[in-house]
């Protein structure tokens, strides 16, 4: 499902999704309230949502979808690349965050990657998230109980690495990666690597403020 108020952009995204054999367009709506109303019946696998909607903020749609359709993977597609919107979207339940200047073929590839377990982010967004995570690294253990190794695992997952790729990068087994993920999610009370990164960043910002 696509949630985008600009007609030209909505049609462009819809054409890209509908025109690729790997994806099927369930619906394309222009308001947040319409999206919220149709989610229970459609139960899409993927939700692509803009933040600057005319009736409600996109994070409200994200929060509703994460609660009511938990199997749905949510990706923000927006013009807003500031830290506040990025962290608020991730905390609400978004797993990916892509700026609208992405090319149509890239959009489909990112949707496929999202469904496969990655967390697609535009390069600038990924750098911002990683910068926040690096800043939180030293203070992470006393503030949250997260160890440096668990932070490394979360950092790689937030960059879109799979469990196997993360294990290879760190020289550990996939089972160990899963163990670190389980421990860090429990400590932070989150369900995804993106949520964990956002929570660590919030903790760091609170401790430094």
N, C-alpha and C. Protein backbone atom coordinates (compact mmCIF):
# COMPACT_ATOMS: atom_id res chain seq x y z
N UNK A 1 0.84 -1.19 0.00
CA UNK A 1 0.00 0.00 0.00
C UNK A 1 0.88 1.25 0.00
N UNK A 2 0.51 2.22 -0.83
CA UNK A 2 1.21 3.49 -0.90
C UNK A 2 0.32 4.57 -0.28
N UNK A 3 0.90 5.39 0.58
CA UNK A 3 0.18 6.52 1.19
C UNK A 3 0.94 7.79 0.82
N UNK A 4 0.42 8.53 -0.13
CA UNK A 4 1.10 9.70 -0.68
C UNK A 4 0.06 10.70 -1.18
N UNK A 5 0.12 11.95 -0.70
CA UNK A 5 -0.91 12.93 -1.06
C UNK A 5 -0.68 13.59 -2.42
N UNK A 6 0.57 13.67 -2.86
CA UNK A 6 0.85 14.29 -4.15
C UNK A 6 0.48 13.32 -5.27
N UNK A 7 -0.44 13.73 -6.13
CA UNK A 7 -0.97 12.81 -7.14
C UNK A 7 0.10 12.33 -8.11
N UNK A 8 0.94 13.24 -8.59
CA UNK A 8 1.97 12.84 -9.56
C UNK A 8 2.94 11.84 -8.95
N UNK A 9 3.35 12.10 -7.71
CA UNK A 9 4.27 11.19 -7.03
C UNK A 9 3.60 9.86 -6.75
N UNK A 10 2.36 9.90 -6.31
CA UNK A 10 1.62 8.66 -6.03
C UNK A 10 1.50 7.80 -7.29
N UNK A 11 1.19 8.46 -8.41
CA UNK A 11 1.06 7.72 -9.67
C UNK A 11 2.40 7.15 -10.13
N UNK A 12 3.48 7.91 -9.91
CA UNK A 12 4.80 7.45 -10.30
C UNK A 12 5.22 6.22 -9.49
N UNK A 13 5.01 6.29 -8.17
CA UNK A 13 5.33 5.15 -7.32
C UNK A 13 4.45 3.95 -7.65
N UNK A 14 3.17 4.21 -7.89
CA UNK A 14 2.23 3.12 -8.21
C UNK A 14 2.63 2.41 -9.48
N UNK A 15 3.02 3.18 -10.48
CA UNK A 15 3.44 2.61 -11.75
C UNK A 15 4.69 1.74 -11.57
N UNK A 16 5.62 2.22 -10.74
CA UNK A 16 6.85 1.45 -10.50
C UNK A 16 6.54 0.13 -9.81
N UNK A 17 5.68 0.15 -8.79
CA UNK A 17 5.35 -1.06 -8.04
C UNK A 17 4.52 -2.02 -8.89
N UNK A 18 3.51 -1.49 -9.58
CA UNK A 18 2.63 -2.34 -10.38
C UNK A 18 3.34 -2.90 -11.62
N UNK A 19 4.37 -2.20 -12.07
CA UNK A 19 5.04 -2.62 -13.30
C UNK A 19 6.17 -3.61 -13.11
N UNK A 20 6.42 -4.03 -11.89
CA UNK A 20 7.50 -4.98 -11.62
C UNK A 20 6.90 -6.33 -11.20
N UNK A 21 7.42 -7.40 -11.75
CA UNK A 21 6.88 -8.73 -11.48
C UNK A 21 7.08 -9.16 -10.02
N UNK A 22 8.00 -8.52 -9.31
CA UNK A 22 8.28 -8.91 -7.93
C UNK A 22 7.31 -8.31 -6.93
N UNK A 23 6.54 -7.31 -7.35
CA UNK A 23 5.66 -6.59 -6.43
C UNK A 23 4.26 -6.45 -7.00
N UNK A 24 3.28 -6.35 -6.12
CA UNK A 24 1.88 -6.14 -6.49
C UNK A 24 1.34 -4.96 -5.71
N UNK A 25 0.67 -4.04 -6.37
CA UNK A 25 0.11 -2.87 -5.71
C UNK A 25 -1.25 -3.22 -5.10
N UNK A 26 -1.35 -3.12 -3.78
CA UNK A 26 -2.62 -3.40 -3.10
C UNK A 26 -3.54 -2.19 -3.14
N UNK A 27 -2.98 -1.00 -2.93
CA UNK A 27 -3.78 0.23 -2.94
C UNK A 27 -2.83 1.42 -2.92
N UNK A 28 -3.33 2.55 -3.40
CA UNK A 28 -2.60 3.81 -3.34
C UNK A 28 -3.58 4.88 -2.90
N UNK A 29 -3.35 5.45 -1.72
CA UNK A 29 -4.29 6.40 -1.14
C UNK A 29 -3.61 7.74 -0.87
N UNK A 30 -4.42 8.78 -0.71
CA UNK A 30 -3.86 10.13 -0.60
C UNK A 30 -3.91 10.71 0.80
N UNK A 31 -4.59 10.03 1.74
CA UNK A 31 -4.69 10.56 3.10
C UNK A 31 -4.35 9.48 4.13
N UNK A 32 -3.95 9.94 5.29
CA UNK A 32 -3.64 9.01 6.37
C UNK A 32 -4.86 8.30 6.89
N UNK A 33 -5.98 9.01 6.98
CA UNK A 33 -7.20 8.40 7.52
C UNK A 33 -7.72 7.30 6.60
N UNK A 34 -7.60 7.50 5.28
CA UNK A 34 -8.02 6.46 4.35
C UNK A 34 -7.12 5.23 4.51
N UNK A 35 -5.83 5.46 4.68
CA UNK A 35 -4.91 4.35 4.88
C UNK A 35 -5.27 3.56 6.13
N UNK A 36 -5.49 4.27 7.22
CA UNK A 36 -5.84 3.62 8.49
C UNK A 36 -7.14 2.83 8.35
N UNK A 37 -8.12 3.39 7.62
CA UNK A 37 -9.41 2.72 7.45
C UNK A 37 -9.29 1.44 6.61
N UNK A 38 -8.37 1.44 5.64
CA UNK A 38 -8.27 0.30 4.72
C UNK A 38 -7.28 -0.77 5.17
N UNK A 39 -6.43 -0.44 6.11
CA UNK A 39 -5.41 -1.40 6.54
C UNK A 39 -5.98 -2.73 7.04
N UNK A 40 -7.03 -2.74 7.87
CA UNK A 40 -7.53 -4.02 8.40
C UNK A 40 -7.98 -4.99 7.31
N UNK A 41 -8.58 -4.48 6.24
CA UNK A 41 -9.08 -5.34 5.18
C UNK A 41 -7.95 -5.75 4.23
N UNK A 42 -7.08 -4.82 3.89
CA UNK A 42 -6.01 -5.11 2.93
C UNK A 42 -4.85 -5.88 3.54
N UNK A 43 -4.51 -5.54 4.79
CA UNK A 43 -3.39 -6.16 5.49
C UNK A 43 -2.17 -6.33 4.56
N UNK A 44 -1.64 -5.22 4.07
CA UNK A 44 -0.53 -5.30 3.11
C UNK A 44 0.75 -5.84 3.74
N UNK A 45 1.60 -6.43 2.91
CA UNK A 45 2.91 -6.89 3.38
C UNK A 45 3.86 -5.73 3.59
N UNK A 46 3.69 -4.68 2.77
CA UNK A 46 4.56 -3.52 2.83
C UNK A 46 3.71 -2.25 2.78
N UNK A 47 4.08 -1.29 3.62
CA UNK A 47 3.42 0.02 3.61
C UNK A 47 4.47 1.08 3.30
N UNK A 48 4.25 1.83 2.22
CA UNK A 48 5.10 2.96 1.86
C UNK A 48 4.35 4.22 2.22
N UNK A 49 4.89 5.02 3.12
CA UNK A 49 4.11 6.15 3.64
C UNK A 49 4.92 7.44 3.64
N UNK A 50 4.27 8.49 3.17
CA UNK A 50 4.82 9.84 3.24
C UNK A 50 4.54 10.39 4.64
N UNK A 51 5.33 11.35 5.07
CA UNK A 51 5.11 11.94 6.40
C UNK A 51 4.20 13.17 6.34
N UNK A 52 4.36 13.99 5.30
CA UNK A 52 3.62 15.24 5.22
C UNK A 52 2.26 15.08 4.59
N UNK A 53 1.38 14.31 5.23
CA UNK A 53 0.04 14.08 4.71
C UNK A 53 -0.89 15.23 5.10
N UNK A 54 -1.98 15.44 4.36
CA UNK A 54 -2.84 16.61 4.61
C UNK A 54 -3.71 16.52 5.85
N UNK A 55 -3.95 15.30 6.37
CA UNK A 55 -4.88 15.17 7.50
C UNK A 55 -4.19 14.76 8.81
N UNK A 56 -3.33 13.75 8.76
CA UNK A 56 -2.59 13.33 9.95
C UNK A 56 -1.13 13.16 9.56
N UNK A 57 -0.25 13.24 10.55
CA UNK A 57 1.17 13.04 10.25
C UNK A 57 1.41 11.57 9.93
N UNK A 58 2.36 11.32 9.04
CA UNK A 58 2.64 9.96 8.64
C UNK A 58 3.01 9.03 9.78
N UNK A 59 3.60 9.57 10.84
CA UNK A 59 3.97 8.72 11.98
C UNK A 59 2.73 8.11 12.65
N UNK A 60 1.59 8.80 12.56
CA UNK A 60 0.36 8.24 13.12
C UNK A 60 -0.07 7.01 12.32
N UNK A 61 0.06 7.07 11.01
CA UNK A 61 -0.25 5.93 10.16
C UNK A 61 0.71 4.78 10.46
N UNK A 62 1.99 5.11 10.61
CA UNK A 62 3.00 4.09 10.91
C UNK A 62 2.68 3.41 12.23
N UNK A 63 2.39 4.20 13.24
CA UNK A 63 2.10 3.65 14.57
C UNK A 63 0.89 2.73 14.53
N UNK A 64 -0.14 3.14 13.80
CA UNK A 64 -1.36 2.34 13.68
C UNK A 64 -1.07 1.03 12.95
N UNK A 65 -0.33 1.11 11.84
CA UNK A 65 -0.03 -0.09 11.07
C UNK A 65 0.83 -1.07 11.87
N UNK A 66 1.83 -0.55 12.59
CA UNK A 66 2.70 -1.41 13.40
C UNK A 66 1.91 -2.13 14.48
N UNK A 67 0.88 -1.48 14.99
CA UNK A 67 0.06 -2.09 16.05
C UNK A 67 -0.98 -3.06 15.49
N UNK A 68 -1.67 -2.66 14.41
CA UNK A 68 -2.79 -3.43 13.91
C UNK A 68 -2.40 -4.49 12.87
N UNK A 69 -1.31 -4.26 12.13
CA UNK A 69 -0.85 -5.21 11.11
C UNK A 69 0.64 -5.47 11.36
N UNK A 70 0.97 -6.16 12.44
CA UNK A 70 2.38 -6.29 12.86
C UNK A 70 3.28 -6.99 11.85
N UNK A 71 2.71 -7.79 10.94
CA UNK A 71 3.55 -8.47 9.95
C UNK A 71 3.92 -7.55 8.79
N UNK A 72 3.34 -6.34 8.76
CA UNK A 72 3.59 -5.39 7.67
C UNK A 72 4.95 -4.71 7.87
N UNK A 73 5.75 -4.67 6.81
CA UNK A 73 7.02 -3.94 6.83
C UNK A 73 6.77 -2.51 6.36
N UNK A 74 7.22 -1.53 7.13
CA UNK A 74 6.89 -0.14 6.87
C UNK A 74 8.12 0.64 6.45
N UNK A 75 7.99 1.37 5.34
CA UNK A 75 9.09 2.21 4.86
C UNK A 75 8.58 3.62 4.59
N UNK A 76 9.28 4.59 5.14
CA UNK A 76 8.95 6.00 4.90
C UNK A 76 9.56 6.43 3.57
N UNK A 77 8.76 7.16 2.78
CA UNK A 77 9.27 7.79 1.55
C UNK A 77 8.86 9.25 1.64
N UNK A 78 9.82 10.13 1.83
CA UNK A 78 9.50 11.51 2.18
C UNK A 78 10.57 12.48 1.70
N UNK A 79 10.26 13.77 1.83
CA UNK A 79 11.24 14.82 1.57
C UNK A 79 11.96 15.21 2.86
N UNK A 80 11.43 14.77 4.01
CA UNK A 80 11.96 15.19 5.30
C UNK A 80 13.11 14.28 5.73
N UNK A 81 14.33 14.83 5.76
CA UNK A 81 15.47 14.04 6.15
C UNK A 81 16.09 14.47 7.46
N UNK A 82 15.33 15.23 8.27
CA UNK A 82 15.87 15.73 9.54
C UNK A 82 15.82 14.64 10.60
N UNK A 83 16.66 14.81 11.61
CA UNK A 83 16.80 13.80 12.65
C UNK A 83 15.51 13.53 13.40
N UNK A 84 14.74 14.58 13.69
CA UNK A 84 13.50 14.41 14.45
C UNK A 84 12.54 13.47 13.72
N UNK A 85 12.31 13.72 12.43
CA UNK A 85 11.37 12.88 11.68
C UNK A 85 11.90 11.47 11.50
N UNK A 86 13.20 11.33 11.28
CA UNK A 86 13.77 10.01 11.11
C UNK A 86 13.59 9.17 12.37
N UNK A 87 14.00 9.70 13.51
CA UNK A 87 13.90 8.94 14.76
C UNK A 87 12.46 8.71 15.17
N UNK A 88 11.59 9.71 14.96
CA UNK A 88 10.17 9.55 15.31
C UNK A 88 9.53 8.45 14.47
N UNK A 89 9.89 8.38 13.19
CA UNK A 89 9.32 7.36 12.30
C UNK A 89 9.79 5.97 12.70
N UNK A 90 11.07 5.84 13.01
CA UNK A 90 11.62 4.55 13.41
C UNK A 90 11.01 4.09 14.73
N UNK A 91 10.88 5.00 15.66
CA UNK A 91 10.28 4.66 16.95
C UNK A 91 8.82 4.25 16.79
N UNK A 92 8.13 4.86 15.80
CA UNK A 92 6.72 4.52 15.57
C UNK A 92 6.57 3.13 14.96
N UNK A 93 7.62 2.64 14.28
CA UNK A 93 7.55 1.30 13.71
C UNK A 93 8.10 1.15 12.31
N UNK A 94 8.60 2.25 11.71
CA UNK A 94 9.18 2.16 10.36
C UNK A 94 10.50 1.40 10.41
N UNK A 95 10.75 0.60 9.39
CA UNK A 95 11.99 -0.15 9.29
C UNK A 95 12.93 0.47 8.26
N UNK A 96 12.36 1.08 7.21
CA UNK A 96 13.15 1.76 6.18
C UNK A 96 12.82 3.23 6.11
N UNK A 97 13.74 4.01 5.56
CA UNK A 97 13.53 5.45 5.45
C UNK A 97 14.26 5.94 4.20
N UNK A 98 13.49 6.26 3.16
CA UNK A 98 14.06 6.62 1.86
C UNK A 98 13.55 7.99 1.43
N UNK A 99 14.46 8.83 0.96
CA UNK A 99 14.07 10.14 0.47
C UNK A 99 13.51 10.03 -0.95
N UNK A 100 12.63 10.95 -1.31
CA UNK A 100 11.88 10.83 -2.55
C UNK A 100 12.71 11.00 -3.82
N UNK A 101 13.95 11.39 -3.67
CA UNK A 101 14.76 11.56 -4.87
C UNK A 101 15.30 10.23 -5.40
N UNK A 102 14.88 9.10 -4.77
CA UNK A 102 15.31 7.80 -5.27
C UNK A 102 14.68 7.53 -6.63
N UNK A 103 15.40 6.79 -7.47
CA UNK A 103 14.88 6.43 -8.78
C UNK A 103 13.85 5.32 -8.65
N UNK A 104 12.91 5.24 -9.58
CA UNK A 104 11.86 4.23 -9.52
C UNK A 104 12.39 2.80 -9.42
N UNK A 105 13.36 2.40 -10.26
CA UNK A 105 13.89 1.03 -10.11
C UNK A 105 14.49 0.78 -8.73
N UNK A 106 15.11 1.82 -8.14
CA UNK A 106 15.65 1.68 -6.79
C UNK A 106 14.53 1.47 -5.78
N UNK A 107 13.40 2.13 -5.99
CA UNK A 107 12.27 1.99 -5.08
C UNK A 107 11.82 0.54 -5.01
N UNK A 108 11.64 -0.10 -6.14
CA UNK A 108 11.20 -1.50 -6.15
C UNK A 108 12.25 -2.39 -5.48
N UNK A 109 13.52 -2.15 -5.79
CA UNK A 109 14.59 -2.95 -5.17
C UNK A 109 14.58 -2.78 -3.66
N UNK A 110 14.30 -1.57 -3.19
CA UNK A 110 14.27 -1.32 -1.75
C UNK A 110 13.06 -1.99 -1.10
N UNK A 111 11.94 -2.03 -1.81
CA UNK A 111 10.76 -2.73 -1.29
C UNK A 111 11.05 -4.23 -1.16
N UNK A 112 11.67 -4.79 -2.18
CA UNK A 112 12.02 -6.21 -2.15
C UNK A 112 13.02 -6.50 -1.02
N UNK A 113 14.00 -5.62 -0.87
CA UNK A 113 14.98 -5.79 0.21
C UNK A 113 14.33 -5.67 1.58
N UNK A 114 13.40 -4.74 1.70
CA UNK A 114 12.67 -4.54 2.95
C UNK A 114 11.95 -5.82 3.35
N UNK A 115 11.28 -6.42 2.39
CA UNK A 115 10.51 -7.64 2.67
C UNK A 115 11.43 -8.82 2.98
N UNK A 116 12.65 -8.76 2.46
CA UNK A 116 13.61 -9.83 2.69
C UNK A 116 14.32 -9.71 4.03
N UNK A 117 14.04 -8.62 4.76
CA UNK A 117 14.62 -8.48 6.10
C UNK A 117 15.61 -7.36 6.26
N UNK A 118 15.87 -6.59 5.18
CA UNK A 118 16.80 -5.47 5.28
C UNK A 118 16.07 -4.22 5.79
N UNK A 119 16.86 -3.18 6.05
CA UNK A 119 16.29 -1.90 6.50
C UNK A 119 16.79 -0.80 5.56
N UNK A 120 16.18 -0.66 4.38
CA UNK A 120 16.68 0.30 3.39
C UNK A 120 16.64 1.74 3.90
N UNK A 121 17.73 2.44 3.69
CA UNK A 121 17.81 3.85 4.05
C UNK A 121 18.60 4.59 2.99
N UNK A 122 18.17 5.82 2.68
CA UNK A 122 18.96 6.65 1.78
C UNK A 122 20.32 6.90 2.42
N UNK A 123 21.37 7.05 1.60
CA UNK A 123 22.73 7.20 2.17
C UNK A 123 22.85 8.26 3.24
N UNK A 124 22.25 9.43 3.02
CA UNK A 124 22.33 10.49 4.02
C UNK A 124 21.65 10.13 5.32
N UNK A 125 20.53 9.42 5.23
CA UNK A 125 19.80 8.98 6.42
C UNK A 125 20.61 7.93 7.17
N UNK A 126 21.18 6.99 6.42
CA UNK A 126 22.01 5.95 7.05
C UNK A 126 23.19 6.57 7.79
N UNK A 127 23.82 7.57 7.18
CA UNK A 127 24.95 8.23 7.84
C UNK A 127 24.51 8.92 9.13
N UNK A 128 23.33 9.54 9.09
CA UNK A 128 22.82 10.21 10.29
C UNK A 128 22.58 9.20 11.41
N UNK A 129 21.92 8.10 11.06
CA UNK A 129 21.61 7.07 12.06
C UNK A 129 22.89 6.48 12.63
N UNK A 130 23.86 6.19 11.76
CA UNK A 130 25.12 5.61 12.22
C UNK A 130 25.91 6.59 13.07
N UNK A 131 25.83 7.87 12.74
CA UNK A 131 26.50 8.89 13.55
C UNK A 131 25.91 8.92 14.95
N UNK A 132 24.58 8.84 15.03
CA UNK A 132 23.93 8.82 16.34
C UNK A 132 24.31 7.56 17.11
N UNK A 133 24.40 6.45 16.38
CA UNK A 133 24.74 5.20 17.04
C UNK A 133 26.18 5.22 17.54
N UNK A 134 27.09 5.79 16.74
CA UNK A 134 28.48 5.90 17.19
C UNK A 134 28.59 6.79 18.42
N UNK A 135 27.82 7.87 18.42
CA UNK A 135 27.84 8.79 19.56
C UNK A 135 27.32 8.11 20.82
N UNK A 136 26.39 7.16 20.61
CA UNK A 136 25.81 6.46 21.76
C UNK A 136 26.67 5.30 22.24
N UNK A 137 27.66 4.95 21.46
CA UNK A 137 28.42 3.71 21.73
C UNK A 137 29.05 3.70 23.11
N UNK A 138 29.77 4.75 23.47
CA UNK A 138 30.49 4.77 24.74
C UNK A 138 29.56 4.77 25.94
N UNK A 139 28.43 5.48 25.79
CA UNK A 139 27.50 5.59 26.92
C UNK A 139 26.45 4.50 26.91
N UNK A 140 26.45 3.65 25.90
CA UNK A 140 25.35 2.70 25.73
C UNK A 140 25.26 1.71 26.88
N UNK A 141 26.40 1.12 27.29
CA UNK A 141 26.32 0.05 28.28
C UNK A 141 25.79 0.52 29.63
N UNK A 142 26.31 1.62 30.22
CA UNK A 142 25.74 2.04 31.50
C UNK A 142 24.31 2.54 31.39
N UNK A 143 23.95 3.13 30.24
CA UNK A 143 22.61 3.71 30.11
C UNK A 143 21.56 2.65 29.82
N UNK A 144 21.89 1.65 29.02
CA UNK A 144 20.88 0.70 28.57
C UNK A 144 21.23 -0.75 28.83
N UNK A 145 22.48 -1.02 29.19
CA UNK A 145 22.91 -2.40 29.35
C UNK A 145 23.40 -3.02 28.06
N UNK A 146 23.34 -2.28 26.94
CA UNK A 146 23.79 -2.79 25.65
C UNK A 146 25.32 -2.81 25.62
N UNK A 147 25.88 -3.95 25.21
CA UNK A 147 27.33 -4.08 25.15
C UNK A 147 27.87 -3.54 23.83
N UNK A 148 29.16 -3.24 23.77
CA UNK A 148 29.76 -2.78 22.50
C UNK A 148 29.53 -3.76 21.35
N UNK A 149 29.63 -5.07 21.60
CA UNK A 149 29.42 -6.05 20.54
C UNK A 149 27.97 -6.02 20.05
N UNK A 150 27.02 -5.90 20.98
CA UNK A 150 25.62 -5.82 20.59
C UNK A 150 25.37 -4.56 19.77
N UNK A 151 26.06 -3.48 20.12
CA UNK A 151 25.94 -2.24 19.36
C UNK A 151 26.47 -2.42 17.95
N UNK A 152 27.58 -3.13 17.80
CA UNK A 152 28.14 -3.40 16.47
C UNK A 152 27.15 -4.19 15.61
N UNK A 153 26.52 -5.18 16.22
CA UNK A 153 25.54 -6.00 15.50
C UNK A 153 24.37 -5.12 15.03
N UNK A 154 23.86 -4.29 15.93
CA UNK A 154 22.75 -3.41 15.57
C UNK A 154 23.14 -2.44 14.47
N UNK A 155 24.36 -1.94 14.52
CA UNK A 155 24.84 -1.00 13.51
C UNK A 155 24.82 -1.63 12.12
N UNK A 156 25.30 -2.86 12.03
CA UNK A 156 25.33 -3.54 10.73
C UNK A 156 23.93 -3.86 10.23
N UNK A 157 23.05 -4.31 11.13
CA UNK A 157 21.68 -4.62 10.73
C UNK A 157 20.96 -3.36 10.26
N UNK A 158 21.21 -2.23 10.93
CA UNK A 158 20.59 -0.97 10.54
C UNK A 158 21.06 -0.51 9.17
N UNK A 159 22.25 -0.94 8.78
CA UNK A 159 22.78 -0.60 7.45
C UNK A 159 22.26 -1.53 6.37
N UNK A 160 21.45 -2.52 6.76
CA UNK A 160 20.85 -3.40 5.78
C UNK A 160 21.51 -4.75 5.62
N UNK A 161 22.53 -5.06 6.44
CA UNK A 161 23.19 -6.36 6.37
C UNK A 161 22.24 -7.45 6.87
N UNK A 162 22.31 -8.62 6.26
CA UNK A 162 21.55 -9.77 6.75
C UNK A 162 22.25 -10.36 7.98
N UNK A 163 21.61 -11.32 8.64
CA UNK A 163 22.23 -11.97 9.79
C UNK A 163 23.53 -12.65 9.37
N UNK A 164 23.49 -13.34 8.22
CA UNK A 164 24.68 -14.06 7.75
C UNK A 164 25.81 -13.09 7.41
N UNK A 165 25.48 -11.98 6.76
CA UNK A 165 26.49 -10.98 6.41
C UNK A 165 27.07 -10.32 7.65
N UNK A 166 26.21 -10.08 8.64
CA UNK A 166 26.68 -9.50 9.90
C UNK A 166 27.66 -10.45 10.59
N UNK A 167 27.31 -11.72 10.60
CA UNK A 167 28.20 -12.72 11.21
C UNK A 167 29.54 -12.75 10.51
N UNK A 168 29.53 -12.68 9.18
CA UNK A 168 30.77 -12.71 8.41
C UNK A 168 31.61 -11.46 8.69
N UNK A 169 30.97 -10.30 8.74
CA UNK A 169 31.68 -9.05 8.99
C UNK A 169 32.37 -9.06 10.36
N UNK A 170 31.72 -9.64 11.36
CA UNK A 170 32.24 -9.60 12.72
C UNK A 170 33.04 -10.85 13.09
N UNK A 171 33.07 -11.83 12.20
CA UNK A 171 33.83 -13.05 12.48
C UNK A 171 33.20 -13.90 13.56
N UNK A 172 31.88 -13.92 13.60
CA UNK A 172 31.17 -14.73 14.59
C UNK A 172 30.14 -15.59 13.85
N UNK A 173 29.48 -16.48 14.56
CA UNK A 173 28.49 -17.34 13.93
C UNK A 173 27.14 -16.64 13.84
N UNK A 174 26.29 -17.14 12.94
CA UNK A 174 24.94 -16.59 12.81
C UNK A 174 24.16 -16.78 14.11
N UNK A 175 24.41 -17.91 14.78
CA UNK A 175 23.74 -18.17 16.05
C UNK A 175 24.12 -17.10 17.08
N UNK A 176 25.39 -16.70 17.09
CA UNK A 176 25.83 -15.65 18.02
C UNK A 176 25.18 -14.32 17.69
N UNK A 177 25.06 -14.02 16.39
CA UNK A 177 24.37 -12.80 15.98
C UNK A 177 22.95 -12.80 16.51
N UNK A 178 22.24 -13.90 16.33
CA UNK A 178 20.86 -14.01 16.82
C UNK A 178 20.79 -13.82 18.33
N UNK A 179 21.78 -14.35 19.03
CA UNK A 179 21.81 -14.21 20.48
C UNK A 179 22.00 -12.76 20.89
N UNK A 180 22.92 -12.06 20.20
CA UNK A 180 23.12 -10.64 20.49
C UNK A 180 21.86 -9.83 20.20
N UNK A 181 21.20 -10.14 19.10
CA UNK A 181 19.97 -9.42 18.74
C UNK A 181 18.89 -9.64 19.80
N UNK A 182 18.71 -10.90 20.19
CA UNK A 182 17.70 -11.22 21.20
C UNK A 182 17.97 -10.47 22.50
N UNK A 183 19.23 -10.44 22.92
CA UNK A 183 19.59 -9.76 24.16
C UNK A 183 19.36 -8.25 24.08
N UNK A 184 19.78 -7.65 22.96
CA UNK A 184 19.66 -6.20 22.83
C UNK A 184 18.19 -5.78 22.70
N UNK A 185 17.39 -6.55 21.97
CA UNK A 185 15.97 -6.24 21.84
C UNK A 185 15.28 -6.31 23.21
N UNK A 186 15.67 -7.33 23.99
CA UNK A 186 15.07 -7.48 25.32
C UNK A 186 15.44 -6.30 26.22
N UNK A 187 16.71 -5.89 26.17
CA UNK A 187 17.17 -4.78 27.01
C UNK A 187 16.49 -3.47 26.64
N UNK A 188 16.26 -3.28 25.34
CA UNK A 188 15.70 -2.02 24.86
C UNK A 188 14.18 -2.07 24.70
N UNK A 189 13.58 -3.24 24.84
CA UNK A 189 12.14 -3.43 24.67
C UNK A 189 11.69 -2.98 23.28
N UNK A 190 12.39 -3.49 22.25
CA UNK A 190 12.06 -3.17 20.87
C UNK A 190 11.94 -4.45 20.07
N UNK A 191 11.51 -4.30 18.78
CA UNK A 191 11.31 -5.47 17.93
C UNK A 191 12.19 -5.48 16.69
N UNK A 192 12.81 -4.34 16.35
CA UNK A 192 13.62 -4.28 15.14
C UNK A 192 14.94 -3.56 15.42
N UNK A 193 15.93 -3.79 14.54
CA UNK A 193 17.21 -3.11 14.68
C UNK A 193 17.06 -1.61 14.55
N UNK A 194 16.19 -1.19 13.65
CA UNK A 194 15.98 0.25 13.45
C UNK A 194 15.43 0.90 14.72
N UNK A 195 14.48 0.24 15.37
CA UNK A 195 13.95 0.75 16.63
C UNK A 195 15.05 0.82 17.69
N UNK A 196 15.88 -0.19 17.73
CA UNK A 196 16.97 -0.23 18.71
C UNK A 196 17.93 0.93 18.49
N UNK A 197 18.29 1.19 17.23
CA UNK A 197 19.18 2.30 16.91
C UNK A 197 18.57 3.62 17.35
N UNK A 198 17.28 3.80 17.06
CA UNK A 198 16.61 5.04 17.45
C UNK A 198 16.58 5.21 18.96
N UNK A 199 16.35 4.12 19.68
CA UNK A 199 16.29 4.20 21.14
C UNK A 199 17.66 4.52 21.73
N UNK A 200 18.71 3.93 21.17
CA UNK A 200 20.06 4.25 21.62
C UNK A 200 20.38 5.72 21.36
N UNK A 201 19.96 6.21 20.20
CA UNK A 201 20.21 7.60 19.87
C UNK A 201 19.48 8.53 20.82
N UNK A 202 18.25 8.17 21.15
CA UNK A 202 17.47 8.99 22.11
C UNK A 202 18.16 8.98 23.48
N UNK A 203 18.63 7.82 23.89
CA UNK A 203 19.30 7.71 25.18
C UNK A 203 20.55 8.57 25.22
N UNK A 204 21.29 8.55 24.11
CA UNK A 204 22.51 9.36 24.02
C UNK A 204 22.20 10.82 24.06
N UNK A 205 21.15 11.21 23.33
CA UNK A 205 20.80 12.64 23.30
C UNK A 205 20.33 13.11 24.66
N UNK A 206 19.61 12.22 25.38
CA UNK A 206 19.16 12.60 26.72
C UNK A 206 20.30 12.73 27.70
N UNK A 207 21.31 11.84 27.57
CA UNK A 207 22.44 11.88 28.51
C UNK A 207 23.38 13.05 28.26
N UNK A 208 23.37 13.53 26.99
CA UNK A 208 24.28 14.64 26.66
C UNK A 208 23.61 15.99 26.76
N UNK A 209 22.28 15.98 27.00
CA UNK A 209 21.55 17.24 27.01
C UNK A 209 21.49 17.87 28.38
